[in-house]
N, C-alpha and C. Protein backbone atom coordinates (compact mmCIF):
# COMPACT_ATOMS: atom_id res chain seq x y z
N MET A 1 0.82 -1.19 0.00
CA MET A 1 0.00 0.00 0.00
C MET A 1 0.87 1.26 0.00
N LYS A 2 1.99 1.21 0.71
CA LYS A 2 2.88 2.36 0.76
C LYS A 2 3.46 2.67 -0.61
N LYS A 3 3.67 1.63 -1.41
CA LYS A 3 4.21 1.83 -2.75
C LYS A 3 3.22 2.60 -3.63
N LEU A 4 1.95 2.35 -3.50
CA LEU A 4 0.94 3.04 -4.29
C LEU A 4 0.91 4.53 -3.95
N LEU A 5 1.08 4.85 -2.71
CA LEU A 5 1.07 6.25 -2.30
C LEU A 5 2.31 6.97 -2.79
N LYS A 6 3.44 6.29 -2.83
CA LYS A 6 4.68 6.90 -3.28
C LYS A 6 4.69 7.11 -4.79
N LEU A 7 3.98 6.27 -5.54
CA LEU A 7 3.98 6.37 -7.00
C LEU A 7 3.14 7.53 -7.51
N LYS A 8 2.28 8.08 -6.69
CA LYS A 8 1.42 9.18 -7.14
C LYS A 8 2.28 10.43 -7.38
N LYS A 9 2.24 10.92 -8.62
CA LYS A 9 3.02 12.10 -9.00
C LYS A 9 2.10 13.30 -9.14
N LYS A 10 2.67 14.47 -8.89
CA LYS A 10 1.89 15.69 -9.06
C LYS A 10 1.85 16.04 -10.53
N ALA A 11 0.64 16.29 -11.05
CA ALA A 11 0.47 16.64 -12.46
C ALA A 11 -0.86 17.38 -12.62
N PHE A 12 -1.02 17.97 -13.78
CA PHE A 12 -2.28 18.66 -14.07
C PHE A 12 -3.34 17.63 -14.43
N THR A 13 -4.56 17.89 -14.01
CA THR A 13 -5.65 16.99 -14.37
C THR A 13 -6.22 17.40 -15.72
N LEU A 14 -7.00 16.52 -16.30
CA LEU A 14 -7.62 16.80 -17.60
C LEU A 14 -8.54 18.01 -17.51
N VAL A 15 -9.26 18.16 -16.43
CA VAL A 15 -10.16 19.29 -16.25
C VAL A 15 -9.38 20.60 -16.21
N GLU A 16 -8.27 20.61 -15.52
CA GLU A 16 -7.45 21.83 -15.45
C GLU A 16 -6.92 22.20 -16.83
N MET A 17 -6.50 21.22 -17.58
CA MET A 17 -5.99 21.48 -18.93
C MET A 17 -7.10 22.01 -19.84
N LEU A 18 -8.30 21.47 -19.72
CA LEU A 18 -9.42 21.94 -20.53
C LEU A 18 -9.81 23.37 -20.16
N VAL A 19 -9.75 23.70 -18.90
CA VAL A 19 -10.05 25.06 -18.47
C VAL A 19 -9.03 26.04 -19.06
N VAL A 20 -7.76 25.70 -19.02
CA VAL A 20 -6.71 26.55 -19.57
C VAL A 20 -6.89 26.72 -21.08
N LEU A 21 -7.18 25.63 -21.78
CA LEU A 21 -7.42 25.72 -23.22
C LEU A 21 -8.64 26.58 -23.54
N GLY A 22 -9.66 26.48 -22.72
CA GLY A 22 -10.85 27.31 -22.91
C GLY A 22 -10.54 28.79 -22.73
N ILE A 23 -9.75 29.13 -21.73
CA ILE A 23 -9.37 30.52 -21.49
C ILE A 23 -8.53 31.05 -22.64
N ILE A 24 -7.59 30.25 -23.11
CA ILE A 24 -6.75 30.67 -24.24
C ILE A 24 -7.61 30.89 -25.49
N SER A 25 -8.56 30.01 -25.72
CA SER A 25 -9.46 30.16 -26.88
C SER A 25 -10.28 31.44 -26.78
N LEU A 26 -10.77 31.73 -25.59
CA LEU A 26 -11.53 32.97 -25.38
C LEU A 26 -10.69 34.20 -25.67
N LEU A 27 -9.47 34.20 -25.18
CA LEU A 27 -8.57 35.34 -25.43
C LEU A 27 -8.29 35.51 -26.91
N LEU A 28 -8.09 34.41 -27.62
CA LEU A 28 -7.86 34.48 -29.07
C LEU A 28 -9.07 35.05 -29.79
N LEU A 29 -10.26 34.64 -29.36
CA LEU A 29 -11.48 35.16 -29.98
C LEU A 29 -11.63 36.66 -29.76
N ILE A 30 -11.11 37.16 -28.68
CA ILE A 30 -11.20 38.59 -28.39
C ILE A 30 -10.16 39.38 -29.18
N PHE A 31 -8.93 38.88 -29.27
CA PHE A 31 -7.83 39.66 -29.83
C PHE A 31 -7.66 39.56 -31.34
N VAL A 32 -8.00 38.44 -31.95
CA VAL A 32 -7.78 38.28 -33.39
C VAL A 32 -8.59 39.28 -34.22
N PRO A 33 -9.86 39.51 -33.96
CA PRO A 33 -10.58 40.51 -34.75
C PRO A 33 -10.00 41.92 -34.59
N ASN A 34 -9.50 42.25 -33.41
CA ASN A 34 -8.90 43.56 -33.20
C ASN A 34 -7.63 43.73 -34.03
N LEU A 35 -6.87 42.67 -34.18
CA LEU A 35 -5.64 42.73 -34.97
C LEU A 35 -5.96 43.00 -36.44
N SER A 36 -7.00 42.37 -36.96
CA SER A 36 -7.34 42.58 -38.37
C SER A 36 -7.88 44.00 -38.58
N LYS A 37 -8.59 44.54 -37.61
CA LYS A 37 -9.06 45.93 -37.72
C LYS A 37 -7.89 46.89 -37.72
N GLN A 38 -6.90 46.63 -36.88
CA GLN A 38 -5.73 47.50 -36.84
C GLN A 38 -4.94 47.41 -38.13
N LYS A 39 -4.87 46.24 -38.73
CA LYS A 39 -4.17 46.07 -40.00
C LYS A 39 -4.84 46.91 -41.08
N ASP A 40 -6.16 46.91 -41.11
CA ASP A 40 -6.89 47.72 -42.08
C ASP A 40 -6.65 49.21 -41.85
N ALA A 41 -6.64 49.63 -40.59
CA ALA A 41 -6.41 51.04 -40.28
C ALA A 41 -5.00 51.46 -40.69
N ILE A 42 -4.03 50.61 -40.47
CA ILE A 42 -2.65 50.92 -40.87
C ILE A 42 -2.54 51.01 -42.38
N GLN A 43 -3.23 50.12 -43.09
CA GLN A 43 -3.21 50.14 -44.55
C GLN A 43 -3.81 51.44 -45.08
N LYS A 44 -4.89 51.89 -44.47
CA LYS A 44 -5.52 53.16 -44.90
C LYS A 44 -4.59 54.34 -44.66
N LYS A 45 -3.91 54.35 -43.53
CA LYS A 45 -2.97 55.44 -43.24
C LYS A 45 -1.80 55.42 -44.21
N GLY A 46 -1.33 54.22 -44.55
CA GLY A 46 -0.23 54.09 -45.50
C GLY A 46 -0.63 54.59 -46.88
N ASN A 47 -1.85 54.25 -47.30
CA ASN A 47 -2.35 54.72 -48.59
C ASN A 47 -2.47 56.24 -48.61
N ALA A 48 -2.96 56.81 -47.52
CA ALA A 48 -3.09 58.26 -47.44
C ALA A 48 -1.72 58.93 -47.52
N ALA A 49 -0.72 58.33 -46.90
CA ALA A 49 0.63 58.89 -46.93
C ALA A 49 1.22 58.84 -48.34
N VAL A 50 1.00 57.75 -49.05
CA VAL A 50 1.51 57.63 -50.42
C VAL A 50 0.84 58.66 -51.32
N ILE A 51 -0.46 58.82 -51.18
CA ILE A 51 -1.19 59.81 -51.98
C ILE A 51 -0.64 61.21 -51.71
N LYS A 52 -0.42 61.51 -50.45
CA LYS A 52 0.09 62.83 -50.09
C LYS A 52 1.48 63.07 -50.68
N VAL A 53 2.36 62.07 -50.62
CA VAL A 53 3.71 62.21 -51.16
C VAL A 53 3.66 62.43 -52.67
N VAL A 54 2.89 61.62 -53.36
CA VAL A 54 2.84 61.73 -54.82
C VAL A 54 2.23 63.06 -55.24
N GLU A 55 1.18 63.48 -54.54
CA GLU A 55 0.56 64.76 -54.89
C GLU A 55 1.49 65.94 -54.61
N SER A 56 2.28 65.86 -53.55
CA SER A 56 3.23 66.93 -53.29
C SER A 56 4.35 66.93 -54.34
N GLN A 57 4.74 65.75 -54.80
CA GLN A 57 5.73 65.67 -55.87
C GLN A 57 5.16 66.21 -57.19
N MET A 58 3.86 66.02 -57.40
CA MET A 58 3.21 66.58 -58.58
C MET A 58 3.26 68.10 -58.55
N GLU A 59 2.99 68.66 -57.39
CA GLU A 59 3.05 70.12 -57.25
C GLU A 59 4.46 70.63 -57.51
N LEU A 60 5.44 69.96 -56.97
CA LEU A 60 6.83 70.35 -57.18
C LEU A 60 7.20 70.28 -58.66
N TYR A 61 6.78 69.21 -59.31
CA TYR A 61 7.06 69.04 -60.75
C TYR A 61 6.41 70.17 -61.55
N GLU A 62 5.17 70.50 -61.22
CA GLU A 62 4.46 71.55 -61.93
C GLU A 62 5.13 72.91 -61.73
N LEU A 63 5.65 73.16 -60.55
CA LEU A 63 6.34 74.42 -60.29
C LEU A 63 7.65 74.51 -61.07
N GLU A 64 8.34 73.40 -61.19
CA GLU A 64 9.64 73.41 -61.86
C GLU A 64 9.53 73.35 -63.39
N HIS A 65 8.47 72.72 -63.91
CA HIS A 65 8.38 72.50 -65.35
C HIS A 65 7.26 73.30 -66.03
N ASP A 66 6.47 74.00 -65.29
CA ASP A 66 5.36 74.80 -65.82
C ASP A 66 4.42 74.00 -66.71
N LYS A 67 4.17 72.77 -66.36
CA LYS A 67 3.17 71.96 -67.05
C LYS A 67 2.59 70.96 -66.05
N GLU A 68 1.39 70.44 -66.40
CA GLU A 68 0.71 69.52 -65.51
C GLU A 68 1.46 68.19 -65.46
N ALA A 69 1.60 67.64 -64.27
CA ALA A 69 2.37 66.41 -64.07
C ALA A 69 1.48 65.18 -64.13
N THR A 70 2.02 64.13 -64.68
CA THR A 70 1.38 62.81 -64.61
C THR A 70 2.29 61.90 -63.79
N VAL A 71 1.75 60.79 -63.40
CA VAL A 71 2.53 59.84 -62.62
C VAL A 71 3.71 59.33 -63.46
N ALA A 72 3.47 59.13 -64.74
CA ALA A 72 4.55 58.67 -65.63
C ALA A 72 5.68 59.70 -65.70
N ASP A 73 5.32 61.01 -65.76
CA ASP A 73 6.33 62.07 -65.77
C ASP A 73 7.15 62.06 -64.49
N LEU A 74 6.46 61.92 -63.38
CA LEU A 74 7.15 61.91 -62.09
C LEU A 74 8.12 60.74 -62.00
N GLN A 75 7.66 59.59 -62.47
CA GLN A 75 8.51 58.40 -62.41
C GLN A 75 9.69 58.53 -63.37
N ALA A 76 9.46 59.08 -64.55
CA ALA A 76 10.53 59.21 -65.53
C ALA A 76 11.62 60.18 -65.07
N ASP A 77 11.21 61.24 -64.39
CA ASP A 77 12.17 62.25 -63.93
C ASP A 77 12.73 61.96 -62.54
N GLY A 78 12.35 60.85 -61.94
CA GLY A 78 12.92 60.44 -60.66
C GLY A 78 12.30 61.10 -59.43
N TYR A 79 11.13 61.67 -59.60
CA TYR A 79 10.46 62.27 -58.44
C TYR A 79 9.86 61.21 -57.52
N ILE A 80 9.40 60.11 -58.12
CA ILE A 80 8.86 58.99 -57.34
C ILE A 80 9.43 57.69 -57.91
N THR A 81 9.36 56.65 -57.11
CA THR A 81 9.85 55.34 -57.55
C THR A 81 8.71 54.57 -58.22
N GLU A 82 9.06 53.47 -58.83
CA GLU A 82 8.06 52.63 -59.47
C GLU A 82 7.09 52.06 -58.43
N LYS A 83 7.63 51.70 -57.28
CA LYS A 83 6.79 51.16 -56.21
C LYS A 83 5.78 52.20 -55.72
N GLN A 84 6.23 53.45 -55.59
CA GLN A 84 5.31 54.51 -55.17
C GLN A 84 4.22 54.73 -56.21
N ALA A 85 4.58 54.64 -57.49
CA ALA A 85 3.60 54.81 -58.55
C ALA A 85 2.54 53.70 -58.49
N GLU A 86 2.98 52.48 -58.24
CA GLU A 86 2.05 51.35 -58.13
C GLU A 86 1.14 51.51 -56.92
N GLN A 87 1.73 51.90 -55.79
CA GLN A 87 0.92 52.10 -54.58
C GLN A 87 -0.07 53.24 -54.76
N TYR A 88 0.34 54.28 -55.46
CA TYR A 88 -0.54 55.42 -55.72
C TYR A 88 -1.73 54.99 -56.58
N ALA A 89 -1.45 54.19 -57.60
CA ALA A 89 -2.52 53.71 -58.48
C ALA A 89 -3.52 52.84 -57.70
N LYS A 90 -3.01 51.99 -56.82
CA LYS A 90 -3.89 51.14 -56.01
C LYS A 90 -4.70 51.96 -55.02
N ALA A 91 -4.06 52.96 -54.43
CA ALA A 91 -4.72 53.77 -53.40
C ALA A 91 -5.81 54.66 -53.99
N LYS A 92 -5.64 55.08 -55.21
CA LYS A 92 -6.62 55.98 -55.84
C LYS A 92 -7.86 55.25 -56.32
N LYS A 93 -7.84 53.91 -56.35
CA LYS A 93 -9.01 53.14 -56.81
C LYS A 93 -10.13 53.21 -55.83
């Protein structure tokens, strides 16, 4: 009988593990939607920043060349990069 008592080891029970998994699941359900909303908000701010940069470069181009600027003109003269032109086109849609 003494051997049986000595063999008992301390460990988590199945109920305790299920409770912990339930709590973790609840926390994930709360935080995951918030992360996707923040990602969308960051994307909108990034698009607004690209639009502002390209439009300011358009104004600069127009002041220097006395003609209306296009995105192709800005890219050809090195005012914006190809990546900025692509992001600007996507953001304006």
